Amino acid sequence: MANAKKEQKLEDLEQMAQAEGFAEDGADLDGVPLGESLALEDEIATLRAERDDLRDRFMRALADAENTRKRGERDRREAEMYGGTKLARDLLPVYDNLQRALDSMTDEQREKDKALIEGVELTMRELVNVFKKHGIEPITPQPGDAFEPQQHQAVFEAPVPGTKAGEIIQVMSAGFMIHERLLRPAQVGVSSMPAN
């Protein structure tokens, strides 16, 4: 089938050449025999197809390299921002214990152990400053705030008069965000007061 097309093309070229007076009975066309001319055309077409294929493969490889570069840059940024997440989670109980120690002190104990309490407060402040330096911010809901499931974890529900369902009634521990991600939700108690 392909040979029949080549022969037909050769015949067409010979007829055109004869009609124009360039060749007679298989003579040269610009110094190149018609049979060779057809072979050159096939070779040129093959080379063009190969060039187009190589250009397509090159463009795909270039796009793939660019995607890899962007993915690597994104991974590097995320590792920089969120690489310390595990360590930060491990330090949160230290924060909680320092906060509980400060909250449990009575005024009398504060007067009596003023230097000790001041040391605990300084330690707490330093820990909070280190957290801020690394993009860790506390989530500190207050009683009466609306419960937000993206930032709060309901530890218990209780019907408390004078509150609406879904209102925070007690905060057990603060939550934390690291940049835009939730590190730990705030643990809260939520009102389950039925609507009147």
C-alpha atoms as a PDB file:
ATOM      1  CA  MET A   1       0.000   0.000   0.000  1.00  0.00           C
ATOM      2  CA  ALA A   2       2.835   2.399   0.927  1.00  0.00           C
ATOM      3  CA  ASN A   3       4.750   1.403  -2.209  1.00  0.00           C
ATOM      4  CA  ALA A   4       1.688   2.124  -4.349  1.00  0.00           C
ATOM      5  CA  LYS A   5       1.465   5.626  -2.849  1.00  0.00           C
ATOM      6  CA  LYS A   6       5.187   6.241  -3.476  1.00  0.00           C
ATOM      7  CA  GLU A   7       4.861   5.088  -7.086  1.00  0.00           C
ATOM      8  CA  GLN A   8       1.813   7.300  -7.587  1.00  0.00           C
ATOM      9  CA  LYS A   9       3.672  10.275  -6.056  1.00  0.00           C
ATOM     10  CA  LEU A  10       6.674   9.599  -8.302  1.00  0.00           C
ATOM     11  CA  GLU A  11       4.446   9.445 -11.358  1.00  0.00           C
ATOM     12  CA  ASP A  12       2.748  12.700 -10.349  1.00  0.00           C
ATOM     13  CA  LEU A  13       6.140  14.420  -9.908  1.00  0.00           C
ATOM     14  CA  GLU A  14       7.357  13.121 -13.288  1.00  0.00           C
ATOM     15  CA  GLN A  15       4.190  14.374 -14.983  1.00  0.00           C
ATOM     16  CA  MET A  16       4.565  17.788 -13.360  1.00  0.00           C
ATOM     17  CA  ALA A  17       8.224  17.984 -14.345  1.00  0.00           C
ATOM     18  CA  GLN A  18       7.450  17.025 -17.918  1.00  0.00           C
ATOM     19  CA  ALA A  19       4.567  19.499 -18.079  1.00  0.00           C
ATOM     20  CA  GLU A  20       6.910  22.273 -16.960  1.00  0.00           C
ATOM     21  CA  GLY A  21       9.647  21.138 -19.316  1.00  0.00           C
ATOM     22  CA  PHE A  22      12.135  20.327 -16.591  1.00  0.00           C
ATOM     23  CA  ALA A  23      12.512  16.647 -17.167  1.00  0.00           C
ATOM     24  CA  GLU A  24      11.796  14.056 -19.767  1.00  0.00           C
ATOM     25  CA  ASP A  25      11.370  10.391 -19.139  1.00  0.00           C
ATOM     26  CA  GLY A  26      12.992  10.170 -15.695  1.00  0.00           C
ATOM     27  CA  ALA A  27      15.700  12.796 -16.314  1.00  0.00           C
ATOM     28  CA  ASP A  28      17.180  14.901 -13.540  1.00  0.00           C
ATOM     29  CA  LEU A  29      15.131  17.483 -11.657  1.00  0.00           C
ATOM     30  CA  ASP A  30      17.610  20.211 -10.638  1.00  0.00           C
ATOM     31  CA  GLY A  31      20.399  17.662 -10.867  1.00  0.00           C
ATOM     32  CA  VAL A  32      18.609  15.111  -8.642  1.00  0.00           C
ATOM     33  CA  PRO A  33      16.901  12.129 -10.237  1.00  0.00           C
ATOM     34  CA  LEU A  34      13.176  11.974  -9.479  1.00  0.00           C
ATOM     35  CA  GLY A  35      13.495   8.700  -7.562  1.00  0.00           C
ATOM     36  CA  GLU A  36      16.126  10.233  -5.270  1.00  0.00           C
ATOM     37  CA  SER A  37      14.021  13.364  -4.895  1.00  0.00           C
ATOM     38  CA  LEU A  38      11.184  11.277  -3.512  1.00  0.00           C
ATOM     39  CA  ALA A  39      13.561   9.508  -1.116  1.00  0.00           C
ATOM     40  CA  LEU A  40      14.851  12.904   0.078  1.00  0.00           C
ATOM     41  CA  GLU A  41      11.298  14.073   0.697  1.00  0.00           C
ATOM     42  CA  ASP A  42      10.609  10.950   2.762  1.00  0.00           C
ATOM     43  CA  GLU A  43      13.826  11.491   4.714  1.00  0.00           C
ATOM     44  CA  ILE A  44      12.941  15.156   5.327  1.00  0.00           C
ATOM     45  CA  ALA A  45       9.466  14.149   6.528  1.00  0.00           C
ATOM     46  CA  THR A  46      11.028  11.541   8.844  1.00  0.00           C
ATOM     47  CA  LEU A  47      13.497  14.086  10.206  1.00  0.00           C
ATOM     48  CA  ARG A  48      10.705  16.621  10.774  1.00  0.00           C
ATOM     49  CA  ALA A  49       8.642  14.041  12.663  1.00  0.00           C
ATOM     50  CA  GLU A  50      11.689  13.106  14.742  1.00  0.00           C
ATOM     51  CA  ARG A  51      12.401  16.793  15.420  1.00  0.00           C
ATOM     52  CA  ASP A  52       8.797  17.381  16.518  1.00  0.00           C
ATOM     53  CA  ASP A  53       8.937  14.314  18.775  1.00  0.00           C
ATOM     54  CA  LEU A  54      12.215  15.474  20.344  1.00  0.00           C
ATOM     55  CA  ARG A  55      10.820  19.001  20.809  1.00  0.00           C
ATOM     56  CA  ASP A  56       7.741  17.563  22.517  1.00  0.00           C
ATOM     57  CA  ARG A  57       9.879  15.360  24.785  1.00  0.00           C
ATOM     58  CA  PHE A  58      12.148  18.309  25.602  1.00  0.00           C
ATOM     59  CA  MET A  59       9.185  20.523  26.533  1.00  0.00           C
ATOM     60  CA  ARG A  60       7.747  17.767  28.719  1.00  0.00           C
ATOM     61  CA  ALA A  61      11.108  17.262  30.435  1.00  0.00           C
ATOM     62  CA  LEU A  62      11.415  21.022  30.961  1.00  0.00           C
ATOM     63  CA  ALA A  63       7.905  21.192  32.471  1.00  0.00           C
ATOM     64  CA  ASP A  64       8.660  18.169  34.663  1.00  0.00           C
ATOM     65  CA  ALA A  65      11.897  19.794  35.898  1.00  0.00           C
ATOM     66  CA  GLU A  66      10.014  23.020  36.690  1.00  0.00           C
ATOM     67  CA  ASN A  67       7.330  21.086  38.594  1.00  0.00           C
ATOM     68  CA  THR A  68      10.021  19.230  40.543  1.00  0.00           C
ATOM     69  CA  ARG A  69      11.720  22.534  41.399  1.00  0.00           C
ATOM     70  CA  LYS A  70       8.428  24.053  42.610  1.00  0.00           C
ATOM     71  CA  ARG A  71       7.563  20.931  44.619  1.00  0.00           C
ATOM     72  CA  GLY A  72      11.029  20.961  46.192  1.00  0.00           C
ATOM     73  CA  GLU A  73      10.686  24.648  47.087  1.00  0.00           C
ATOM     74  CA  ARG A  74       7.246  24.022  48.628  1.00  0.00           C
ATOM     75  CA  ASP A  75       8.573  21.027  50.592  1.00  0.00           C
ATOM     76  CA  ARG A  76      11.525  23.104  51.826  1.00  0.00           C
ATOM     77  CA  ARG A  77       9.208  25.919  53.001  1.00  0.00           C
ATOM     78  CA  GLU A  78       6.894  23.439  54.754  1.00  0.00           C
ATOM     79  CA  ALA A  79       9.827  21.690  56.420  1.00  0.00           C
ATOM     80  CA  GLU A  80      11.093  25.070  57.602  1.00  0.00           C
ATOM     81  CA  MET A  81       7.687  26.099  58.944  1.00  0.00           C
ATOM     82  CA  TYR A  82       6.394  22.780  60.272  1.00  0.00           C
ATOM     83  CA  GLY A  83       9.558  20.722  60.847  1.00  0.00           C
ATOM     84  CA  GLY A  84       9.462  21.379  64.603  1.00  0.00           C
ATOM     85  CA  THR A  85       5.852  20.300  65.028  1.00  0.00           C
ATOM     86  CA  LYS A  86       6.708  17.104  66.924  1.00  0.00           C
ATOM     87  CA  LEU A  87       9.033  18.920  69.330  1.00  0.00           C
ATOM     88  CA  ALA A  88       6.432  21.659  69.826  1.00  0.00           C
ATOM     89  CA  ARG A  89       3.762  19.057  70.687  1.00  0.00           C
ATOM     90  CA  ASP A  90       6.144  17.529  73.213  1.00  0.00           C
ATOM     91  CA  LEU A  91       6.672  20.943  74.867  1.00  0.00           C
ATOM     92  CA  LEU A  92       2.959  21.712  75.262  1.00  0.00           C
ATOM     93  CA  PRO A  93       2.606  19.665  78.491  1.00  0.00           C
ATOM     94  CA  VAL A  94       5.451  21.755  79.954  1.00  0.00           C
ATOM     95  CA  TYR A  95       3.436  24.880  79.144  1.00  0.00           C
ATOM     96  CA  ASP A  96       0.304  23.291  80.663  1.00  0.00           C
ATOM     97  CA  ASN A  97       2.116  22.341  83.885  1.00  0.00           C
ATOM     98  CA  LEU A  98       3.626  25.803  84.306  1.00  0.00           C
ATOM     99  CA  GLN A  99       0.199  27.356  83.704  1.00  0.00           C
ATOM    100  CA  ARG A 100      -1.446  25.020  86.232  1.00  0.00           C
ATOM    101  CA  ALA A 101       1.243  25.857  88.795  1.00  0.00           C
ATOM    102  CA  LEU A 102       0.613  29.579  88.356  1.00  0.00           C
ATOM    103  CA  ASP A 103      -3.180  29.181  88.396  1.00  0.00           C
ATOM    104  CA  SER A 104      -3.166  27.069  91.571  1.00  0.00           C
ATOM    105  CA  MET A 105      -1.252  29.634  93.665  1.00  0.00           C
ATOM    106  CA  THR A 106      -3.267  31.508  96.263  1.00  0.00           C
ATOM    107  CA  ASP A 107      -2.515  35.135  97.139  1.00  0.00           C
ATOM    108  CA  GLU A 108      -0.995  33.976 100.432  1.00  0.00           C
ATOM    109  CA  GLN A 109       1.351  31.571  98.635  1.00  0.00           C
ATOM    110  CA  ARG A 110       2.270  34.296  96.154  1.00  0.00           C
ATOM    111  CA  GLU A 111       3.385  36.558  99.009  1.00  0.00           C
ATOM    112  CA  LYS A 112       5.219  33.820 100.843  1.00  0.00           C
ATOM    113  CA  ASP A 113       7.055  32.339  97.813  1.00  0.00           C
ATOM    114  CA  LYS A 114       7.368  35.492  95.741  1.00  0.00           C
ATOM    115  CA  ALA A 115      10.818  34.646  94.305  1.00  0.00           C
ATOM    116  CA  LEU A 116       9.781  31.119  93.324  1.00  0.00           C
ATOM    117  CA  ILE A 117       6.622  32.333  91.627  1.00  0.00           C
ATOM    118  CA  GLU A 118       8.527  35.049  89.820  1.00  0.00           C
ATOM    119  CA  GLY A 119      10.922  32.369  88.497  1.00  0.00           C
ATOM    120  CA  VAL A 120       8.022  30.235  87.257  1.00  0.00           C
ATOM    121  CA  GLU A 121       6.451  33.282  85.561  1.00  0.00           C
ATOM    122  CA  LEU A 122       9.771  34.166  83.875  1.00  0.00           C
ATOM    123  CA  THR A 123      10.137  30.570  82.683  1.00  0.00           C
ATOM    124  CA  MET A 124       6.591  30.676  81.332  1.00  0.00           C
ATOM    125  CA  ARG A 125       7.236  33.989  79.545  1.00  0.00           C
ATOM    126  CA  GLU A 126      10.427  32.630  77.995  1.00  0.00           C
ATOM    127  CA  LEU A 127       8.606  29.518  76.766  1.00  0.00           C
ATOM    128  CA  VAL A 128       5.863  31.674  75.210  1.00  0.00           C
ATOM    129  CA  ASN A 129       8.528  33.874  73.525  1.00  0.00           C
ATOM    130  CA  VAL A 130      10.226  30.790  72.059  1.00  0.00           C
ATOM    131  CA  PHE A 131       6.839  29.584  70.821  1.00  0.00           C
ATOM    132  CA  LYS A 132       6.163  32.953  69.132  1.00  0.00           C
ATOM    133  CA  LYS A 133       9.626  32.959  67.559  1.00  0.00           C
ATOM    134  CA  HIS A 134       8.735  29.677  65.851  1.00  0.00           C
ATOM    135  CA  GLY A 135       5.209  30.686  64.781  1.00  0.00           C
ATOM    136  CA  ILE A 136       3.367  28.915  67.597  1.00  0.00           C
ATOM    137  CA  GLU A 137       0.418  30.955  68.875  1.00  0.00           C
ATOM    138  CA  PRO A 138      -1.990  29.983  71.676  1.00  0.00           C
ATOM    139  CA  ILE A 139      -5.729  29.557  71.150  1.00  0.00           C
ATOM    140  CA  THR A 140      -7.297  30.905  74.327  1.00  0.00           C
ATOM    141  CA  PRO A 141     -11.092  30.717  74.239  1.00  0.00           C
ATOM    142  CA  GLN A 142     -13.078  32.273  77.081  1.00  0.00           C
ATOM    143  CA  PRO A 143     -16.265  31.056  78.755  1.00  0.00           C
ATOM    144  CA  GLY A 144     -19.190  32.373  76.743  1.00  0.00           C
ATOM    145  CA  ASP A 145     -17.403  32.095  73.384  1.00  0.00           C
ATOM    146  CA  ALA A 146     -18.983  29.948  70.703  1.00  0.00           C
ATOM    147  CA  PHE A 147     -17.581  26.436  70.276  1.00  0.00           C
ATOM    148  CA  GLU A 148     -15.518  26.164  67.043  1.00  0.00           C
ATOM    149  CA  PRO A 149     -14.827  22.558  66.062  1.00  0.00           C
ATOM    150  CA  GLN A 150     -11.820  23.598  63.919  1.00  0.00           C
ATOM    151  CA  GLN A 151     -10.006  24.967  67.005  1.00  0.00           C
ATOM    152  CA  HIS A 152     -11.720  23.458  70.054  1.00  0.00           C
ATOM    153  CA  GLN A 153     -12.172  19.954  71.397  1.00  0.00           C
ATOM    154  CA  ALA A 154     -15.248  19.375  73.557  1.00  0.00           C
ATOM    155  CA  VAL A 155     -14.160  17.305  76.561  1.00  0.00           C
ATOM    156  CA  PHE A 156     -17.586  17.340  78.217  1.00  0.00           C
ATOM    157  CA  GLU A 157     -21.081  18.782  77.846  1.00  0.00           C
ATOM    158  CA  ALA A 158     -23.248  20.019  80.702  1.00  0.00           C
ATOM    159  CA  PRO A 159     -26.569  21.847  80.890  1.00  0.00           C
ATOM    160  CA  VAL A 160     -25.660  25.136  82.588  1.00  0.00           C
ATOM    161  CA  PRO A 161     -28.532  27.588  83.215  1.00  0.00           C
ATOM    162  CA  GLY A 162     -28.065  30.998  81.614  1.00  0.00           C
ATOM    163  CA  THR A 163     -26.051  29.628  78.682  1.00  0.00           C
ATOM    164  CA  LYS A 164     -26.899  28.629  75.146  1.00  0.00           C
ATOM    165  CA  ALA A 165     -26.180  25.250  73.594  1.00  0.00           C
ATOM    166  CA  GLY A 166     -22.735  25.265  72.015  1.00  0.00           C
ATOM    167  CA  GLU A 167     -21.296  27.938  74.308  1.00  0.00           C
ATOM    168  CA  ILE A 168     -18.014  27.293  76.060  1.00  0.00           C
ATOM    169  CA  ILE A 169     -18.540  27.006  79.803  1.00  0.00           C
ATOM    170  CA  GLN A 170     -15.039  25.984  80.921  1.00  0.00           C
ATOM    171  CA  VAL A 171     -11.535  25.933  79.435  1.00  0.00           C
ATOM    172  CA  MET A 172      -9.313  23.054  80.581  1.00  0.00           C
ATOM    173  CA  SER A 173      -6.273  23.800  78.441  1.00  0.00           C
ATOM    174  CA  ALA A 174      -5.288  26.261  75.738  1.00  0.00           C
ATOM    175  CA  GLY A 175      -4.899  25.154  72.162  1.00  0.00           C
ATOM    176  CA  PHE A 176      -2.086  26.095  69.808  1.00  0.00           C
ATOM    177  CA  MET A 177      -1.589  26.877  66.122  1.00  0.00           C
ATOM    178  CA  ILE A 178       1.743  26.533  64.326  1.00  0.00           C
ATOM    179  CA  HIS A 179       1.570  29.047  61.489  1.00  0.00           C
ATOM    180  CA  GLU A 180      -1.727  28.140  59.754  1.00  0.00           C
ATOM    181  CA  ARG A 181      -1.997  24.579  61.075  1.00  0.00           C
ATOM    182  CA  LEU A 182      -3.644  23.374  64.254  1.00  0.00           C
ATOM    183  CA  LEU A 183      -1.037  22.000  66.633  1.00  0.00           C
ATOM    184  CA  ARG A 184      -3.463  21.114  69.413  1.00  0.00           C
ATOM    185  CA  PRO A 185      -7.133  22.066  69.897  1.00  0.00           C
ATOM    186  CA  ALA A 186      -8.168  23.921  73.041  1.00  0.00           C
ATOM    187  CA  GLN A 187      -9.890  21.526  75.434  1.00  0.00           C
ATOM    188  CA  VAL A 188     -13.198  22.967  76.583  1.00  0.00           C
ATOM    189  CA  GLY A 189     -16.470  22.133  78.273  1.00  0.00           C
ATOM    190  CA  VAL A 190     -19.560  23.020  76.262  1.00  0.00           C
ATOM    191  CA  SER A 191     -23.086  23.894  77.328  1.00  0.00           C
ATOM    192  CA  SER A 192     -25.792  21.470  76.271  1.00  0.00           C
ATOM    193  CA  MET A 193     -28.677  23.643  77.463  1.00  0.00           C
ATOM    194  CA  PRO A 194     -31.755  22.778  75.372  1.00  0.00           C
ATOM    195  CA  ALA A 195     -33.434  25.607  73.471  1.00  0.00           C
ATOM    196  CA  ASN A 196     -36.532  26.932  75.272  1.00  0.00           C
END
